[in-house]
Amino acid sequence: MKKGRVFSGARPTGRQHLGNYLGAIRNYVALQDEYE
């Protein structure tokens, strides 16, 4: 089965903070095996 792609829209530069982790990064980790 072909895996879909997820685009995060997160900026690759700048400091990571708790809001980034709770709002987005935690979800990306959960989805990493399902998508490319």
PDB file of N, CA and C in Angstrom:
ATOM      1  N   MET A   1       0.842  -1.174   0.000  1.00  0.00           N
ATOM      2  CA  MET A   1       0.000   0.000   0.000  1.00  0.00           C
ATOM      3  C   MET A   1       0.893   1.245   0.000  1.00  0.00           C
ATOM      4  N   LYS A   2       0.532   2.206  -0.809  1.00  0.00           N
ATOM      5  CA  LYS A   2       1.306   3.439  -0.894  1.00  0.00           C
ATOM      6  C   LYS A   2       1.011   4.325   0.315  1.00  0.00           C
ATOM      7  N   LYS A   3       2.076   4.873   0.886  1.00  0.00           N
ATOM      8  CA  LYS A   3       1.916   5.749   2.046  1.00  0.00           C
ATOM      9  C   LYS A   3       1.666   7.178   1.585  1.00  0.00           C
ATOM     10  N   GLY A   4       0.783   7.883   2.269  1.00  0.00           N
ATOM     11  CA  GLY A   4       0.531   9.287   1.987  1.00  0.00           C
ATOM     12  C   GLY A   4       1.616  10.156   2.597  1.00  0.00           C
ATOM     13  N   ARG A   5       1.558  11.439   2.314  1.00  0.00           N
ATOM     14  CA  ARG A   5       2.534  12.373   2.872  1.00  0.00           C
ATOM     15  C   ARG A   5       1.829  13.367   3.777  1.00  0.00           C
ATOM     16  N   VAL A   6       2.541  13.760   4.805  1.00  0.00           N
ATOM     17  CA  VAL A   6       2.033  14.759   5.736  1.00  0.00           C
ATOM     18  C   VAL A   6       2.984  15.940   5.705  1.00  0.00           C
ATOM     19  N   PHE A   7       2.461  17.135   5.483  1.00  0.00           N
ATOM     20  CA  PHE A   7       3.262  18.351   5.518  1.00  0.00           C
ATOM     21  C   PHE A   7       2.953  19.077   6.816  1.00  0.00           C
ATOM     22  N   SER A   8       3.983  19.348   7.583  1.00  0.00           N
ATOM     23  CA  SER A   8       3.784  19.903   8.916  1.00  0.00           C
ATOM     24  C   SER A   8       3.591  21.411   8.920  1.00  0.00           C
ATOM     25  N   GLY A   9       4.319  22.123   8.080  1.00  0.00           N
ATOM     26  CA  GLY A   9       4.279  23.576   8.118  1.00  0.00           C
ATOM     27  C   GLY A   9       5.108  24.148   9.255  1.00  0.00           C
ATOM     28  N   ALA A  10       5.812  23.300   9.986  1.00  0.00           N
ATOM     29  CA  ALA A  10       6.656  23.759  11.094  1.00  0.00           C
ATOM     30  C   ALA A  10       7.936  24.375  10.546  1.00  0.00           C
ATOM     31  N   ARG A  11       8.402  25.421  11.192  1.00  0.00           N
ATOM     32  CA  ARG A  11       9.646  26.060  10.773  1.00  0.00           C
ATOM     33  C   ARG A  11      10.834  25.241  11.259  1.00  0.00           C
ATOM     34  N   PRO A  12      11.825  25.013  10.390  1.00  0.00           N
ATOM     35  CA  PRO A  12      12.982  24.220  10.787  1.00  0.00           C
ATOM     36  C   PRO A  12      13.996  24.995  11.626  1.00  0.00           C
ATOM     37  N   THR A  13      13.808  26.300  11.736  1.00  0.00           N
ATOM     38  CA  THR A  13      14.741  27.113  12.507  1.00  0.00           C
ATOM     39  C   THR A  13      14.046  27.674  13.737  1.00  0.00           C
ATOM     40  N   GLY A  14      14.813  28.172  14.647  1.00  0.00           N
ATOM     41  CA  GLY A  14      14.254  28.749  15.864  1.00  0.00           C
ATOM     42  C   GLY A  14      14.203  27.733  16.986  1.00  0.00           C
ATOM     43  N   ARG A  15      13.938  28.233  18.164  1.00  0.00           N
ATOM     44  CA  ARG A  15      13.910  27.372  19.348  1.00  0.00           C
ATOM     45  C   ARG A  15      12.614  26.586  19.418  1.00  0.00           C
ATOM     46  N   GLN A  16      12.725  25.357  19.859  1.00  0.00           N
ATOM     47  CA  GLN A  16      11.542  24.550  20.128  1.00  0.00           C
ATOM     48  C   GLN A  16      11.109  24.843  21.562  1.00  0.00           C
ATOM     49  N   HIS A  17       9.821  24.896  21.793  1.00  0.00           N
ATOM     50  CA  HIS A  17       9.330  25.155  23.140  1.00  0.00           C
ATOM     51  C   HIS A  17       8.179  24.210  23.447  1.00  0.00           C
ATOM     52  N   LEU A  18       7.716  24.244  24.656  1.00  0.00           N
ATOM     53  CA  LEU A  18       6.691  23.309  25.112  1.00  0.00           C
ATOM     54  C   LEU A  18       5.429  23.372  24.250  1.00  0.00           C
ATOM     55  N   GLY A  19       5.052  24.554  23.809  1.00  0.00           N
ATOM     56  CA  GLY A  19       3.871  24.692  22.951  1.00  0.00           C
ATOM     57  C   GLY A  19       4.032  23.950  21.641  1.00  0.00           C
ATOM     58  N   ASN A  20       5.224  24.029  21.050  1.00  0.00           N
ATOM     59  CA  ASN A  20       5.488  23.278  19.813  1.00  0.00           C
ATOM     60  C   ASN A  20       5.372  21.790  20.069  1.00  0.00           C
ATOM     61  N   TYR A  21       5.940  21.345  21.160  1.00  0.00           N
ATOM     62  CA  TYR A  21       5.924  19.912  21.460  1.00  0.00           C
ATOM     63  C   TYR A  21       4.495  19.416  21.678  1.00  0.00           C
ATOM     64  N   LEU A  22       3.756  20.084  22.533  1.00  0.00           N
ATOM     65  CA  LEU A  22       2.404  19.629  22.859  1.00  0.00           C
ATOM     66  C   LEU A  22       1.448  19.778  21.686  1.00  0.00           C
ATOM     67  N   GLY A  23       1.636  20.831  20.897  1.00  0.00           N
ATOM     68  CA  GLY A  23       0.697  21.108  19.818  1.00  0.00           C
ATOM     69  C   GLY A  23       0.952  20.363  18.533  1.00  0.00           C
ATOM     70  N   ALA A  24       2.198  20.024  18.249  1.00  0.00           N
ATOM     71  CA  ALA A  24       2.484  19.475  16.930  1.00  0.00           C
ATOM     72  C   ALA A  24       3.446  18.300  16.941  1.00  0.00           C
ATOM     73  N   ILE A  25       4.607  18.468  17.509  1.00  0.00           N
ATOM     74  CA  ILE A  25       5.671  17.474  17.377  1.00  0.00           C
ATOM     75  C   ILE A  25       5.244  16.119  17.928  1.00  0.00           C
ATOM     76  N   ARG A  26       4.542  16.123  19.032  1.00  0.00           N
ATOM     77  CA  ARG A  26       4.074  14.857  19.617  1.00  0.00           C
ATOM     78  C   ARG A  26       3.182  14.105  18.620  1.00  0.00           C
ATOM     79  N   ASN A  27       2.348  14.832  17.894  1.00  0.00           N
ATOM     80  CA  ASN A  27       1.480  14.198  16.898  1.00  0.00           C
ATOM     81  C   ASN A  27       2.269  13.674  15.706  1.00  0.00           C
ATOM     82  N   TYR A  28       3.312  14.383  15.287  1.00  0.00           N
ATOM     83  CA  TYR A  28       4.138  13.919  14.167  1.00  0.00           C
ATOM     84  C   TYR A  28       4.813  12.600  14.516  1.00  0.00           C
ATOM     85  N   VAL A  29       5.267  12.481  15.730  1.00  0.00           N
ATOM     86  CA  VAL A  29       5.915  11.238  16.158  1.00  0.00           C
ATOM     87  C   VAL A  29       4.918  10.084  16.099  1.00  0.00           C
ATOM     88  N   ALA A  30       3.691  10.336  16.497  1.00  0.00           N
ATOM     89  CA  ALA A  30       2.670   9.290  16.477  1.00  0.00           C
ATOM     90  C   ALA A  30       2.319   8.864  15.048  1.00  0.00           C
ATOM     91  N   LEU A  31       2.431   9.778  14.080  1.00  0.00           N
ATOM     92  CA  LEU A  31       2.061   9.488  12.695  1.00  0.00           C
ATOM     93  C   LEU A  31       3.216   9.018  11.822  1.00  0.00           C
ATOM     94  N   GLN A  32       4.434   9.038  12.325  1.00  0.00           N
ATOM     95  CA  GLN A  32       5.597   8.804  11.469  1.00  0.00           C
ATOM     96  C   GLN A  32       5.626   7.431  10.807  1.00  0.00           C
ATOM     97  N   ASP A  33       5.019   6.428  11.391  1.00  0.00           N
ATOM     98  CA  ASP A  33       5.023   5.104  10.777  1.00  0.00           C
ATOM     99  C   ASP A  33       3.900   4.923   9.759  1.00  0.00           C
ATOM    100  N   GLU A  34       2.905   5.790   9.799  1.00  0.00           N
ATOM    101  CA  GLU A  34       1.773   5.673   8.883  1.00  0.00           C
ATOM    102  C   GLU A  34       1.977   6.429   7.580  1.00  0.00           C
ATOM    103  N   TYR A  35       2.820   7.454   7.602  1.00  0.00           N
ATOM    104  CA  TYR A  35       3.014   8.312   6.440  1.00  0.00           C
ATOM    105  C   TYR A  35       4.484   8.411   6.092  1.00  0.00           C
ATOM    106  N   GLU A  36       4.748   8.914   4.891  1.00  0.00           N
ATOM    107  CA  GLU A  36       6.106   9.093   4.401  1.00  0.00           C
ATOM    108  C   GLU A  36       6.763  10.276   5.045  1.00  0.00           C
TER     109      GLU A  36
END
